[in-house]
Structures are given as structure tokens and as C-alpha cells.
Protein backbone atom coordinates (compact mmCIF):
# COMPACT_ATOMS: atom_id res chain seq x y z
CA MET A 1 -8.67 -8.96 -15.01
CA SER A 2 -7.56 -9.95 -11.26
CA GLY A 3 -8.02 -7.40 -8.51
CA GLU A 4 -4.51 -6.59 -8.16
CA GLU A 5 -4.84 -5.59 -11.96
CA PHE A 6 -7.91 -3.50 -11.67
CA VAL A 7 -6.95 -1.66 -8.58
CA LYS A 8 -3.57 -0.73 -10.18
CA GLN A 9 -5.47 0.27 -13.49
CA TRP A 10 -7.98 2.30 -11.72
CA THR A 11 -5.99 3.99 -8.97
CA GLY A 12 -3.84 5.32 -11.57
CA ARG A 13 -6.88 7.30 -12.72
CA ILE A 14 -6.98 9.01 -9.64
CA GLN A 15 -5.45 12.52 -10.27
CA ASN A 16 -6.55 14.29 -6.98
CA PRO A 17 -3.82 13.01 -3.89
CA LEU A 18 -7.23 13.83 -1.54
CA ASN A 19 -9.15 10.89 -3.48
CA LYS A 20 -7.11 8.25 -3.26
CA PRO A 21 -9.62 5.79 -1.54
CA ASP A 22 -8.71 2.88 0.88
CA ILE A 23 -8.94 -0.62 -0.45
CA ILE A 24 -9.87 -3.71 1.01
CA PHE A 25 -8.81 -7.46 -0.48
CA CYS A 26 -11.09 -10.15 0.60
CA SER A 27 -9.85 -13.35 0.09
CA ALA A 28 -9.21 -16.86 1.03
CA LEU A 29 -5.42 -16.51 0.66
CA GLN A 30 -3.47 -16.29 3.81
CA GLU A 31 -2.74 -12.39 4.34
CA GLY A 32 1.02 -12.55 3.70
CA ALA A 33 0.05 -13.94 0.04
CA LEU A 34 -1.99 -11.43 -0.72
CA ARG A 35 -0.16 -8.38 1.42
CA VAL A 36 2.88 -9.40 -1.43
CA SER A 37 0.28 -9.17 -4.74
CA ALA A 38 -0.88 -5.72 -3.05
CA ALA A 39 2.83 -4.67 -2.48
CA GLN A 40 3.95 -5.68 -6.43
CA LEU A 41 1.23 -2.97 -7.17
CA ALA A 42 3.94 -0.61 -6.74
CA LEU A 43 1.18 1.54 -5.21
CA ALA A 44 3.84 3.23 -2.71
CA ASP A 45 0.86 6.14 -2.02
CA TYR A 46 -1.63 3.33 -1.11
CA ARG A 47 0.71 1.25 1.33
CA ASP A 48 -1.61 2.77 3.97
CA ARG A 49 -4.73 2.21 2.50
CA ILE A 50 -4.61 -1.70 1.49
CA HIS A 51 -6.44 -3.26 3.60
CA PHE A 52 -7.30 -7.43 3.92
CA LEU A 53 -9.78 -8.82 4.85
CA PRO A 54 -9.79 -13.08 4.97
CA LYS A 55 -12.87 -14.82 3.77
CA PRO A 56 -14.88 -16.21 4.87
CA PHE A 57 -14.89 -13.06 7.50
CA ARG A 58 -17.96 -12.32 10.35
CA LEU A 59 -20.03 -8.76 9.98
CA ASP A 60 -17.95 -8.12 13.10
CA GLU A 61 -14.86 -8.62 11.77
CA PHE A 62 -15.76 -6.41 8.58
CA GLU A 63 -17.39 -3.80 10.93
CA ARG A 64 -13.99 -3.49 12.51
CA LEU A 65 -11.97 -3.07 10.10
CA ILE A 66 -14.37 -0.19 8.03
CA HIS A 67 -14.25 1.64 11.63
CA LYS A 68 -10.64 1.35 11.75
CA ILE A 69 -10.45 2.40 7.99
CA ASP A 70 -12.96 5.47 8.85
CA THR A 71 -10.21 6.22 12.10
CA LEU A 72 -7.63 6.56 9.58
CA ARG A 73 -9.25 8.38 7.15
CA ASP A 74 -10.17 10.99 9.48
CA GLU A 75 -6.64 10.85 10.89
CA ARG A 76 -5.41 11.74 7.51
CA VAL A 77 -8.01 14.55 7.16
CA LYS A 78 -6.95 16.63 9.90
CA ALA A 79 -3.09 15.87 8.98
CA ALA A 80 -3.97 17.61 5.47
């Protein structure tokens, strides 16, 4: 099963919209190709929650992405 297929099946089981996770795809593929694959999942509710981290990545790049995701989550909680 591909990562995209796993995410599609996994997110399809989430009932409560407040429980929707952010998703990080890590790949050596170019970001554009992976974003297209993620968009093909037809997960309109997840578009702002799908992130990409190109391989190889450094720890500081990972930390920046986690910080970005935390900030976005905090903004979503305040808006709810």
C-alpha cells in the first residue's frame, strides 16, 4: 500500500473533524509531484494539513516544519 492510499483509508475513518491530523509526507520525490499525488486523494478537508518534507532532510528542517504545524493547529483551535 502506498503512503497516499494509507492516508486515504486512515483519514476516511476519522469521524470528529477536531481529530483530523496533520500529515507529513517524506520523500525524495520533488515537492510538486508529491503534492499532486496528495491532492489526488480528494481530501479537500485536509489540503491545509498535508505537508511535505523532502529527503534527505536535516533535523532543523524537521523542527521548522513541526513548529509550522503547531502554529497552524493553534490557529485552528482558536478559530473553532
